[in-house]
Amino acid sequence: MSMPIHAQLLRHATETPDKPALVINGHSLSYGELYVRAKAIYRFLQDLPRSNRRTLDLPGVETLAALSLSNHIGFAEYFAAATAFPNACAVIDPIMPAERIERIIERLTPDVLIVDDDAGPSAEIARRFGIPVVTAGAEAFDLAAAGGEAELPADADKIFLIGFTSGTTAEPKAYYRSREQWRWSLDRGRVVFELEDAPSTMCPGALAHGLALYALVEALDAGATFHSVRKWDPGVVARTLCSWQVERLVAVPTHIAGIARAWAGEPALTFLRDVLTAGAKLDRNGVESMRRLFPKARIREYYGASEIGFMTVSTLAGGEIDFPIDRVGQAYPGVEISIRDPDENNVGTDVPGTIFVRSDLIADGYLWGDDGQAFRVTEAGATVGDLGELDANGMLRVIGRAGGMMISGGNNVYPAEVESALKACPGVEDAVVFALPDAYFGQRIVAVVSGETVGPKILADHCAQMLGKYKIPKQFYHIRSWPMTSSGKISRGQVERAVVSGDDLVLRLSA
């Protein structure tokens, strides 16, 4: 069994050594350079003294390297070296709150921490725990001196990646992945997403997050050129797409909307052949905006989770959307989906319940943080607690998270269904819906929208065409620009706090 990308990296470095593997803000690294540098880093990692304080059970792992890097040109070479057998790599978001980083590093006790900011919180915390820190780009060893050394190992399974998902507590949950799982996933994805001819790919999200990290590995596996940006700037992304004539874009919907705004009035990007989006549901206005911007692109959407991998995929082909826009597609190849009641009985079609998945892409579990509330594996399959329903054609509609349900006037309401209705309203670009305490209703439904300023009566009337009366928000607010998380999603907590505190980030819409 070959490793996720190392055999492929050797092949690309041999066959196309001068082809750019990674381009970030105009700085590029070729496949030949990437492979030689990764070999040098691998040798360095092998020679490191091992941490003797590790309490985690990581079978087969000799060196555990933690990467706390932003979108740095060195990310790929360190990731390649740190995931080569018998190493494993933990990827930590450098802009996570310092107390979270501290809890992670204390639990992990890695053998080394790789940073690109020597004075940042990650580096300071690691030094406090006596963990060696290496700054990418300022290495104390010769990265070009690995030409004659042995190739990177390419024939092992075992744990290779540790990632983190936000839990309900201050401590992120740590899940782990085996090389075999990612190998299966990459092989299947190369067919599903038609990557055999190595289309150049742009993903502007943070490489420390699942969407962009997987897109990077997928591109390197295929021998494609992967483009990113040091920090999110929609104008820079749009200009990069244009000047490099990038063929494939992988991004969350909010990033695509930002690119569309930044490129307004410019010629359509006709060379883009594929757009893949995930992380939030596409809406009709967003799809129409993409069609104008990328008129020749296939627009694909997938639904998945870090712990489960791909669950569904859909293709919005041609000028029309040939299925309801609130669906996220049919089961990904090799995946079986069922909807189940609280006793885990299969409820059949068109009945809401908890989404369960059977697949060979499911993570083995958590290293820590397993509260049984979200990801769990039972005889029925695996679930992250999302609610949904399947139609007769096997199309999945995701309703929301079990914990996200609002109860207004005794009625159950899911934010996602109200948001979908609002995003279908002309002029509305995006929407966030949540509940606030209310003396009469128990919880009153509040909506914050972006885009053109649409009056509250128009918004309410539009909702009334698609939703039961009890699901229509009681208050509407307008926001000019959304606060974002580092993964490119809307920071719902900040939006809610702005409404509660009367912050001028949001403007109350009154009739």
Protein backbone atom coordinates (compact mmCIF):
# COMPACT_ATOMS: atom_id res chain seq x y z
CA MET A 1 0.00 0.00 0.00
CA SER A 2 1.58 3.26 -1.07
CA MET A 3 1.50 6.35 1.05
CA PRO A 4 -0.79 9.28 0.37
CA ILE A 5 1.51 11.23 -1.96
CA HIS A 6 5.13 10.19 -1.62
CA ALA A 7 5.36 7.70 -4.50
CA GLN A 8 3.54 10.23 -6.69
CA LEU A 9 5.84 13.06 -5.60
CA LEU A 10 8.88 11.02 -6.66
CA ARG A 11 7.26 10.31 -10.04
CA HIS A 12 6.39 13.98 -10.64
CA ALA A 13 9.85 15.11 -9.48
CA THR A 14 11.42 12.65 -11.95
CA GLU A 15 9.12 13.26 -14.93
CA THR A 16 8.33 17.00 -14.56
CA PRO A 17 11.00 18.40 -12.18
CA ASP A 18 10.62 22.00 -13.38
CA LYS A 19 6.82 22.13 -13.22
CA PRO A 20 5.57 24.41 -10.39
CA ALA A 21 4.09 22.31 -7.59
CA LEU A 22 3.07 25.23 -5.39
CA VAL A 23 2.61 28.94 -6.15
CA ILE A 24 1.78 31.40 -3.36
CA ASN A 25 1.62 35.13 -4.10
CA GLY A 26 3.99 34.71 -7.06
CA HIS A 27 6.56 32.59 -5.18
CA SER A 28 6.82 29.12 -6.68
CA LEU A 29 8.37 25.78 -5.80
CA SER A 30 8.91 23.16 -8.51
CA TYR A 31 8.26 19.43 -8.08
CA GLY A 32 12.00 18.78 -8.25
CA GLU A 33 12.74 21.35 -5.54
CA LEU A 34 9.82 20.16 -3.40
CA TYR A 35 11.02 16.55 -3.41
CA VAL A 36 14.67 17.33 -2.66
CA ARG A 37 13.72 19.73 0.15
CA ALA A 38 11.23 17.25 1.62
CA LYS A 39 13.98 14.58 1.69
CA ALA A 40 16.31 16.94 3.58
CA ILE A 41 13.59 17.75 6.12
CA TYR A 42 12.78 14.04 6.47
CA ARG A 43 16.44 13.31 7.33
CA PHE A 44 16.38 16.17 9.87
CA LEU A 45 13.21 14.77 11.48
CA GLN A 46 14.72 11.27 11.65
CA ASP A 47 17.75 12.62 13.52
CA LEU A 48 15.73 14.52 16.14
CA PRO A 49 15.73 13.26 19.73
CA ARG A 50 12.34 11.74 20.60
CA SER A 51 10.07 13.34 23.16
CA ASN A 52 9.99 11.11 26.23
CA ARG A 53 6.89 12.77 27.67
CA ARG A 54 4.40 11.62 25.07
CA THR A 55 1.31 10.08 26.62
CA LEU A 56 -0.59 9.56 23.34
CA ASP A 57 -0.79 6.07 21.91
CA LEU A 58 0.38 6.44 18.30
CA PRO A 59 1.26 2.95 17.02
CA GLY A 60 4.03 2.91 14.44
CA VAL A 61 4.83 6.62 14.80
CA GLU A 62 8.46 7.47 15.60
CA THR A 63 8.55 11.24 15.06
CA LEU A 64 5.53 13.46 15.65
CA ALA A 65 5.93 16.87 14.00
CA ALA A 66 3.44 19.67 14.57
CA LEU A 67 2.92 22.26 11.81
CA SER A 68 1.61 25.65 12.88
CA LEU A 69 2.05 27.39 9.55
CA SER A 70 0.04 29.95 7.67
CA ASN A 71 -0.11 29.70 3.85
CA HIS A 72 3.67 29.59 3.53
CA ILE A 73 5.64 28.28 0.54
CA GLY A 74 7.31 25.82 2.94
CA PHE A 75 4.02 24.20 3.97
CA ALA A 76 4.09 21.48 1.29
CA GLU A 77 7.70 20.38 1.88
CA TYR A 78 7.27 20.15 5.65
CA PHE A 79 3.93 18.36 5.30
CA ALA A 80 5.44 15.87 2.83
CA ALA A 81 8.38 15.12 5.14
CA ALA A 82 6.31 15.02 8.32
CA THR A 83 3.81 12.53 6.85
CA ALA A 84 6.43 10.10 5.44
CA PHE A 85 6.66 6.82 7.38
CA PRO A 86 7.40 6.49 10.29
CA ASN A 87 6.48 10.12 10.95
CA ALA A 88 3.10 11.66 11.67
CA CYS A 89 2.03 15.27 11.33
CA ALA A 90 -0.35 17.34 13.46
CA VAL A 91 -1.67 20.46 11.70
CA ILE A 92 -2.45 23.37 14.07
CA ASP A 93 -4.12 26.58 12.91
CA PRO A 94 -1.67 29.36 13.93
CA ILE A 95 -4.46 31.90 14.43
CA MET A 96 -6.40 29.73 16.85
CA PRO A 97 -6.75 31.38 20.29
CA ALA A 98 -3.51 30.99 22.26
CA GLU A 99 -5.17 29.04 25.08
CA ARG A 100 -6.39 26.43 22.57
CA ILE A 101 -2.94 26.14 21.00
CA GLU A 102 -1.48 25.68 24.48
CA ARG A 103 -3.90 22.86 25.33
CA ILE A 104 -3.13 21.11 22.03
CA ILE A 105 0.66 21.37 22.35
CA GLU A 106 0.53 20.24 25.98
CA ARG A 107 -1.50 17.15 25.03
CA LEU A 108 0.49 16.37 21.85
CA THR A 109 4.03 16.95 23.19
CA PRO A 110 5.38 16.78 19.61
CA ASP A 111 9.06 16.17 18.90
CA VAL A 112 9.26 19.44 16.97
CA LEU A 113 7.05 22.40 16.07
CA ILE A 114 7.34 24.04 12.64
CA VAL A 115 6.27 27.71 12.47
CA ASP A 116 6.62 30.61 10.06
CA ASP A 117 6.33 33.21 12.82
CA ASP A 118 9.17 32.73 15.29
CA ALA A 119 7.61 35.25 17.70
CA GLY A 120 4.01 34.00 17.43
CA PRO A 121 2.04 32.30 20.22
CA SER A 122 2.66 28.75 18.89
CA ALA A 123 6.45 29.18 19.04
CA GLU A 124 6.37 30.79 22.49
CA ILE A 125 4.12 28.05 23.90
CA ALA A 126 6.30 25.25 22.46
CA ARG A 127 9.47 26.76 23.93
CA ARG A 128 7.77 27.00 27.32
CA PHE A 129 7.19 23.22 27.15
CA GLY A 130 10.77 22.59 26.02
CA ILE A 131 9.76 21.55 22.49
CA PRO A 132 12.23 22.40 19.67
CA VAL A 133 10.97 25.07 17.25
CA VAL A 134 11.99 25.31 13.58
CA THR A 135 11.11 28.38 11.52
CA ALA A 136 10.23 27.56 7.90
CA GLY A 137 12.43 29.60 5.59
CA ALA A 138 15.11 30.13 8.25
CA GLU A 139 16.24 26.54 8.78
CA ALA A 140 19.49 25.76 10.52
CA PHE A 141 20.17 22.89 8.10
CA ASP A 142 20.87 22.64 4.37
CA LEU A 143 17.65 21.97 2.46
CA ALA A 144 19.46 21.47 -0.83
CA ALA A 145 21.83 18.78 0.46
CA ALA A 146 19.54 15.78 0.02
CA GLY A 147 20.17 15.06 -3.65
CA GLY A 148 21.88 11.70 -3.19
CA GLU A 149 19.97 10.49 -0.15
CA ALA A 150 17.49 7.62 -0.12
CA GLU A 151 13.99 8.30 -1.43
CA LEU A 152 11.10 9.06 0.90
CA PRO A 153 9.45 5.84 2.15
CA ALA A 154 6.36 4.98 0.13
CA ASP A 155 5.02 1.68 1.40
CA ALA A 156 3.42 1.94 4.82
CA ASP A 157 0.03 2.34 6.43
CA LYS A 158 -0.52 3.56 10.04
CA ILE A 159 -1.43 7.01 11.37
CA PHE A 160 0.02 9.90 9.39
CA LEU A 161 -2.20 12.91 10.16
CA ILE A 162 -3.73 14.45 13.27
CA GLY A 163 -6.31 17.18 12.76
CA PHE A 164 -8.56 19.21 15.01
CA THR A 165 -12.25 20.02 14.90
CA SER A 166 -13.89 22.56 17.14
CA GLY A 167 -15.76 20.95 19.99
CA THR A 168 -18.36 22.50 22.27
CA THR A 169 -15.63 23.04 24.87
CA ALA A 170 -12.52 25.22 24.71
CA GLU A 171 -10.45 22.19 23.75
CA PRO A 172 -10.60 21.13 20.07
CA LYS A 173 -11.15 17.44 19.41
CA ALA A 174 -8.15 15.63 17.92
CA TYR A 175 -8.96 13.06 15.22
CA TYR A 176 -6.46 10.93 13.33
CA ARG A 177 -6.21 9.52 9.83
CA SER A 178 -4.35 6.57 8.31
CA ARG A 179 -2.43 6.75 5.05
CA GLU A 180 -4.56 3.95 3.65
CA GLN A 181 -7.78 5.96 4.11
CA TRP A 182 -6.37 8.98 2.27
CA ARG A 183 -4.97 6.75 -0.46
CA TRP A 184 -8.45 5.32 -1.08
CA SER A 185 -9.94 8.80 -0.96
CA LEU A 186 -7.41 10.28 -3.40
CA ASP A 187 -7.74 7.40 -5.86
CA ARG A 188 -11.53 7.70 -5.86
CA GLY A 189 -11.49 11.50 -6.04
CA ARG A 190 -9.16 11.49 -9.04
CA VAL A 191 -11.93 9.74 -10.99
CA VAL A 192 -14.94 11.58 -9.50
CA PHE A 193 -13.41 15.05 -9.98
CA GLU A 194 -11.63 14.15 -13.26
CA LEU A 195 -8.10 15.07 -12.17
CA GLU A 196 -6.17 12.62 -14.37
CA ASP A 197 -4.83 15.46 -16.56
CA ALA A 198 -3.65 17.44 -13.50
CA PRO A 199 -5.68 20.67 -13.80
CA SER A 200 -4.04 23.66 -12.10
CA THR A 201 -5.94 24.34 -8.86
CA MET A 202 -6.53 27.42 -6.70
CA CYS A 203 -7.73 27.09 -3.11
CA PRO A 204 -7.51 30.40 -1.23
CA GLY A 205 -8.42 29.00 2.21
CA ALA A 206 -6.07 28.39 5.14
CA LEU A 207 -3.88 25.32 4.54
CA ALA A 208 -4.27 24.49 8.24
CA HIS A 209 -7.94 23.66 7.52
CA GLY A 210 -9.32 20.50 6.01
CA LEU A 211 -10.71 21.88 2.74
CA ALA A 212 -7.47 23.56 1.59
CA LEU A 213 -5.14 20.90 3.04
CA TYR A 214 -6.96 18.16 1.16
CA ALA A 215 -7.04 20.27 -2.03
CA LEU A 216 -3.24 20.73 -1.75
CA VAL A 217 -2.60 17.00 -1.29
CA GLU A 218 -5.05 16.17 -4.10
CA ALA A 219 -3.21 18.53 -6.48
CA LEU A 220 0.25 17.18 -5.55
CA ASP A 221 -1.02 13.62 -5.92
CA ALA A 222 -2.22 14.43 -9.46
CA GLY A 223 0.94 16.35 -10.40
CA ALA A 224 -0.96 19.62 -10.72
CA THR A 225 0.16 23.15 -9.85
CA PHE A 226 -1.50 24.32 -6.63
CA HIS A 227 -2.12 28.04 -6.13
CA SER A 228 -2.90 29.84 -2.89
CA VAL A 229 -2.49 33.24 -1.23
CA ARG A 230 -0.60 34.21 1.94
CA LYS A 231 -3.73 35.76 3.36
CA TRP A 232 -7.28 36.01 2.05
CA ASP A 233 -7.61 38.83 -0.46
CA PRO A 234 -10.34 38.33 -3.10
CA GLY A 235 -8.71 40.77 -5.53
CA VAL A 236 -5.39 38.90 -5.42
CA VAL A 237 -7.20 35.57 -5.87
CA ALA A 238 -9.16 36.87 -8.88
CA ARG A 239 -6.03 38.31 -10.51
CA THR A 240 -4.16 35.03 -9.90
CA LEU A 241 -6.97 33.03 -11.49
CA CYS A 242 -6.81 35.34 -14.50
CA SER A 243 -3.04 35.73 -14.96
CA TRP A 244 -2.23 32.02 -14.44
CA GLN A 245 -5.39 30.87 -16.27
CA VAL A 246 -6.12 28.48 -13.40
CA GLU A 247 -8.41 25.60 -14.42
CA ARG A 248 -9.95 24.59 -11.10
CA LEU A 249 -11.15 26.51 -8.04
CA VAL A 250 -11.82 24.86 -4.67
CA ALA A 251 -13.36 27.25 -2.13
CA VAL A 252 -16.12 27.84 0.40
CA PRO A 253 -19.13 29.79 -0.95
CA THR A 254 -18.24 32.97 1.00
CA HIS A 255 -14.82 33.08 -0.69
CA ILE A 256 -16.39 32.60 -4.12
CA ALA A 257 -18.84 35.44 -3.40
CA GLY A 258 -15.87 37.65 -2.43
CA ILE A 259 -14.07 36.80 -5.69
CA ALA A 260 -17.23 37.66 -7.66
CA ARG A 261 -17.45 41.08 -5.95
CA ALA A 262 -13.74 41.79 -6.48
CA TRP A 263 -13.95 40.86 -10.18
CA ALA A 264 -17.22 42.71 -10.90
CA GLY A 265 -17.07 44.45 -14.28
CA GLU A 266 -14.07 42.41 -15.46
CA PRO A 267 -14.24 39.82 -18.27
CA ALA A 268 -15.60 36.39 -17.30
CA LEU A 269 -12.97 33.79 -16.38
CA THR A 270 -13.72 31.43 -19.27
CA PHE A 271 -10.69 29.14 -18.84
CA LEU A 272 -11.91 27.88 -15.44
CA ARG A 273 -13.39 24.44 -16.09
CA ASP A 274 -14.30 23.28 -12.58
CA VAL A 275 -15.49 24.91 -9.37
CA LEU A 276 -15.73 22.71 -6.27
CA THR A 277 -17.32 24.11 -3.16
CA ALA A 278 -18.04 22.80 0.34
CA GLY A 279 -18.31 24.01 3.92
CA ALA A 280 -21.70 25.71 3.47
CA LYS A 281 -24.73 25.12 1.27
CA LEU A 282 -24.84 26.70 -2.18
CA ASP A 283 -27.89 28.86 -2.90
CA ARG A 284 -29.53 29.82 -6.19
CA ASN A 285 -28.19 33.41 -6.17
CA GLY A 286 -24.68 32.12 -5.51
CA VAL A 287 -24.90 29.62 -8.37
CA GLU A 288 -26.13 32.31 -10.77
CA SER A 289 -23.25 34.59 -9.71
CA MET A 290 -20.78 31.74 -10.38
CA ARG A 291 -22.31 31.10 -13.80
CA ARG A 292 -21.66 34.72 -14.78
CA LEU A 293 -18.10 34.66 -13.43
CA PHE A 294 -17.16 31.16 -14.66
CA PRO A 295 -19.45 30.54 -17.66
CA LYS A 296 -17.68 27.36 -18.83
CA ALA A 297 -17.14 25.74 -15.43
CA ARG A 298 -18.84 22.70 -14.01
CA ILE A 299 -20.01 23.68 -10.56
CA ARG A 300 -19.71 20.86 -8.07
CA GLU A 301 -20.61 20.77 -4.42
CA TYR A 302 -19.74 18.17 -1.83
CA TYR A 303 -20.91 17.51 1.68
CA GLY A 304 -18.55 15.88 4.13
CA ALA A 305 -16.89 16.05 7.51
CA SER A 306 -13.28 15.79 8.70
CA GLU A 307 -14.06 12.59 10.59
CA ILE A 308 -16.15 10.93 7.83
CA GLY A 309 -14.68 12.25 4.58
CA PHE A 310 -16.83 12.73 1.48
CA MET A 311 -20.51 11.89 1.96
CA THR A 312 -22.27 13.31 -1.10
CA VAL A 313 -21.35 15.10 -4.32
CA SER A 314 -23.51 16.92 -6.85
CA THR A 315 -22.81 18.54 -10.21
CA LEU A 316 -24.76 21.63 -11.25
CA ALA A 317 -24.32 21.15 -14.99
CA GLY A 318 -25.61 23.31 -17.83
CA GLY A 319 -27.71 26.45 -17.50
CA GLU A 320 -30.41 24.98 -15.28
CA ILE A 321 -30.29 23.39 -11.87
CA ASP A 322 -31.93 20.04 -12.54
CA PHE A 323 -32.72 19.20 -8.92
CA PRO A 324 -33.84 21.21 -5.87
CA ILE A 325 -31.07 23.58 -4.82
CA ASP A 326 -31.50 22.62 -1.16
CA ARG A 327 -30.10 19.13 -1.91
CA VAL A 328 -26.38 18.40 -1.50
CA GLY A 329 -26.29 15.52 -3.96
CA GLN A 330 -26.22 11.75 -4.00
CA ALA A 331 -23.91 9.44 -2.08
CA TYR A 332 -20.24 9.68 -2.99
CA PRO A 333 -18.88 6.48 -4.64
CA GLY A 334 -18.34 3.80 -2.00
CA VAL A 335 -20.57 5.60 0.51
CA GLU A 336 -23.95 4.39 1.78
CA ILE A 337 -26.28 6.93 3.47
CA SER A 338 -29.27 6.25 5.71
CA ILE A 339 -31.56 8.48 7.77
CA ARG A 340 -32.37 7.18 11.24
CA ASP A 341 -34.59 7.98 14.20
CA PRO A 342 -33.33 8.34 17.81
CA ASP A 343 -33.40 4.52 18.16
CA GLU A 344 -31.32 4.26 14.95
CA ASN A 345 -34.13 2.69 12.92
CA ASN A 346 -34.04 3.54 9.21
CA VAL A 347 -36.91 6.00 8.57
CA GLY A 348 -36.92 5.69 4.75
CA THR A 349 -37.44 8.56 2.30
CA ASP A 350 -38.74 12.11 2.85
CA VAL A 351 -38.62 11.78 6.64
CA PRO A 352 -36.15 13.88 8.67
CA GLY A 353 -33.69 12.15 10.95
CA THR A 354 -30.00 11.77 11.77
CA ILE A 355 -27.66 11.19 8.83
CA PHE A 356 -25.65 7.95 9.13
CA VAL A 357 -22.90 6.86 6.75
CA ARG A 358 -21.14 3.59 5.95
CA SER A 359 -17.83 4.12 4.19
CA ASP A 360 -14.18 3.06 4.16
CA LEU A 361 -13.19 6.74 4.53
CA ILE A 362 -14.34 7.09 8.16
CA ALA A 363 -11.70 8.16 10.71
CA ASP A 364 -10.74 5.62 13.34
CA GLY A 365 -11.66 7.98 16.15
CA TYR A 366 -10.42 10.76 18.39
CA LEU A 367 -7.13 10.91 20.24
CA TRP A 368 -8.95 13.08 22.76
CA GLY A 369 -12.09 15.14 23.16
CA ASP A 370 -14.54 12.35 22.34
CA ASP A 371 -17.69 13.45 24.18
CA GLY A 372 -19.97 11.17 22.13
CA GLN A 373 -22.02 14.23 21.19
CA ALA A 374 -21.03 14.63 17.56
CA PHE A 375 -18.97 11.98 15.77
CA ARG A 376 -19.85 8.44 16.79
CA VAL A 377 -19.76 5.03 15.15
CA THR A 378 -22.46 2.45 15.84
CA GLU A 379 -23.83 -0.64 14.09
CA ALA A 380 -25.88 1.75 11.92
CA GLY A 381 -22.74 3.50 10.64
CA ALA A 382 -21.04 6.79 11.51
CA THR A 383 -22.63 10.17 12.19
CA VAL A 384 -21.52 13.67 13.14
CA GLY A 385 -25.03 14.48 14.40
CA ASP A 386 -26.24 16.26 11.27
CA LEU A 387 -29.94 16.00 10.48
CA GLY A 388 -31.33 15.48 7.00
CA GLU A 389 -33.66 13.58 4.73
CA LEU A 390 -33.30 11.51 1.55
CA ASP A 391 -35.70 11.74 -1.37
CA ALA A 392 -36.72 8.87 -3.66
CA ASN A 393 -33.77 9.63 -5.96
CA GLY A 394 -31.25 9.33 -3.14
CA MET A 395 -30.67 13.10 -3.02
CA LEU A 396 -29.75 14.28 0.47
CA ARG A 397 -31.08 17.45 2.07
CA VAL A 398 -29.13 18.61 5.13
CA ILE A 399 -31.42 20.28 7.66
CA GLY A 400 -28.86 21.23 10.28
CA ARG A 401 -27.12 20.09 13.43
CA ALA A 402 -29.13 18.42 16.17
CA GLY A 403 -27.83 21.00 18.65
CA GLY A 404 -28.70 23.90 16.34
CA MET A 405 -32.46 23.49 16.54
CA MET A 406 -34.50 26.51 17.68
CA ILE A 407 -37.81 26.17 19.54
CA SER A 408 -40.09 29.14 18.90
CA GLY A 409 -43.66 29.09 20.21
CA GLY A 410 -43.25 25.37 20.86
CA ASN A 411 -42.30 24.65 17.22
CA ASN A 412 -39.00 23.13 16.09
CA VAL A 413 -37.17 25.31 13.56
CA TYR A 414 -33.76 24.66 11.98
CA PRO A 415 -31.65 27.73 11.08
CA ALA A 416 -30.50 26.16 7.79
CA GLU A 417 -34.01 25.93 6.32
CA VAL A 418 -34.76 29.61 7.13
CA GLU A 419 -31.36 30.65 5.75
CA SER A 420 -32.04 28.73 2.53
CA ALA A 421 -35.35 30.56 2.08
CA LEU A 422 -33.75 33.97 2.69
CA LYS A 423 -30.85 33.28 0.32
CA ALA A 424 -33.37 32.57 -2.45
CA CYS A 425 -34.77 36.12 -2.07
CA PRO A 426 -33.65 38.49 -4.87
CA GLY A 427 -30.94 40.85 -3.62
CA VAL A 428 -29.91 38.70 -0.64
CA GLU A 429 -26.33 37.43 -0.83
CA ASP A 430 -26.06 35.48 2.41
CA ALA A 431 -27.99 34.98 5.64
CA VAL A 432 -27.44 33.88 9.22
CA VAL A 433 -30.39 32.87 11.40
CA PHE A 434 -30.38 32.26 15.15
CA ALA A 435 -32.68 32.51 18.16
CA LEU A 436 -32.67 34.92 21.10
CA PRO A 437 -34.59 34.53 24.37
CA ASP A 438 -38.15 35.84 24.19
CA ALA A 439 -40.69 36.19 27.01
CA TYR A 440 -43.63 35.20 24.79
CA PHE A 441 -42.22 32.75 22.21
CA GLY A 442 -39.48 31.25 24.41
CA GLN A 443 -37.11 31.95 21.53
CA ARG A 444 -37.61 34.51 18.79
CA ILE A 445 -36.07 33.93 15.39
CA VAL A 446 -33.65 36.61 14.20
CA ALA A 447 -32.15 36.92 10.70
CA VAL A 448 -29.09 38.86 9.51
CA VAL A 449 -28.72 39.29 5.74
CA SER A 450 -26.11 40.75 3.39
CA GLY A 451 -26.39 42.07 -0.15
CA GLU A 452 -28.78 44.77 -1.27
CA THR A 453 -30.78 46.40 1.52
CA VAL A 454 -34.13 44.64 1.25
CA GLY A 455 -37.03 45.77 3.45
CA PRO A 456 -38.17 43.49 6.29
CA LYS A 457 -41.69 43.09 4.83
CA ILE A 458 -40.28 41.88 1.51
CA LEU A 459 -38.04 39.41 3.36
CA ALA A 460 -40.91 38.16 5.54
CA ASP A 461 -43.27 37.85 2.55
CA HIS A 462 -40.63 35.91 0.63
CA CYS A 463 -40.16 33.53 3.59
CA ALA A 464 -43.94 33.08 3.81
CA GLN A 465 -43.94 31.61 0.29
CA MET A 466 -41.52 28.86 1.34
CA LEU A 467 -41.90 28.37 5.10
CA GLY A 468 -44.56 27.85 7.73
CA LYS A 469 -45.59 31.05 9.50
CA TYR A 470 -43.86 30.05 12.75
CA LYS A 471 -40.51 29.82 10.90
CA ILE A 472 -40.54 33.44 9.67
CA PRO A 473 -37.99 35.61 11.54
CA LYS A 474 -39.43 38.22 13.90
CA GLN A 475 -36.49 40.60 13.42
CA PHE A 476 -34.25 41.35 10.44
CA TYR A 477 -30.81 42.97 10.40
CA HIS A 478 -28.51 43.97 7.55
CA ILE A 479 -24.73 43.53 7.55
CA ARG A 480 -22.33 45.02 4.98
CA SER A 481 -19.49 42.60 5.51
CA TRP A 482 -19.41 39.36 7.48
CA PRO A 483 -16.85 38.62 10.19
CA MET A 484 -15.07 35.45 9.07
CA THR A 485 -13.37 32.52 10.73
CA SER A 486 -9.90 31.49 9.56
CA SER A 487 -11.50 28.71 7.48
CA GLY A 488 -13.48 31.23 5.43
CA LYS A 489 -16.83 30.59 7.08
CA ILE A 490 -19.05 33.26 8.61
CA SER A 491 -18.33 33.73 12.33
CA ARG A 492 -21.89 33.13 13.53
CA GLY A 493 -20.95 33.83 17.14
CA GLN A 494 -19.65 37.31 16.29
CA VAL A 495 -22.79 38.09 14.28
CA GLU A 496 -25.03 37.01 17.15
CA ARG A 497 -23.00 39.03 19.68
CA ALA A 498 -23.26 42.12 17.44
CA VAL A 499 -27.07 41.86 17.43
CA VAL A 500 -27.27 41.32 21.20
CA SER A 501 -24.85 44.16 22.04
CA GLY A 502 -26.25 46.68 19.54
CA ASP A 503 -22.90 46.80 17.71
CA ASP A 504 -22.95 48.96 14.57
CA LEU A 505 -21.63 45.98 12.59
CA VAL A 506 -25.32 45.22 12.02
CA LEU A 507 -28.23 47.56 11.21
CA ARG A 508 -31.79 46.77 12.35
CA LEU A 509 -34.19 46.79 9.40
CA SER A 510 -37.50 48.40 10.32
CA ALA A 511 -40.66 48.66 8.26
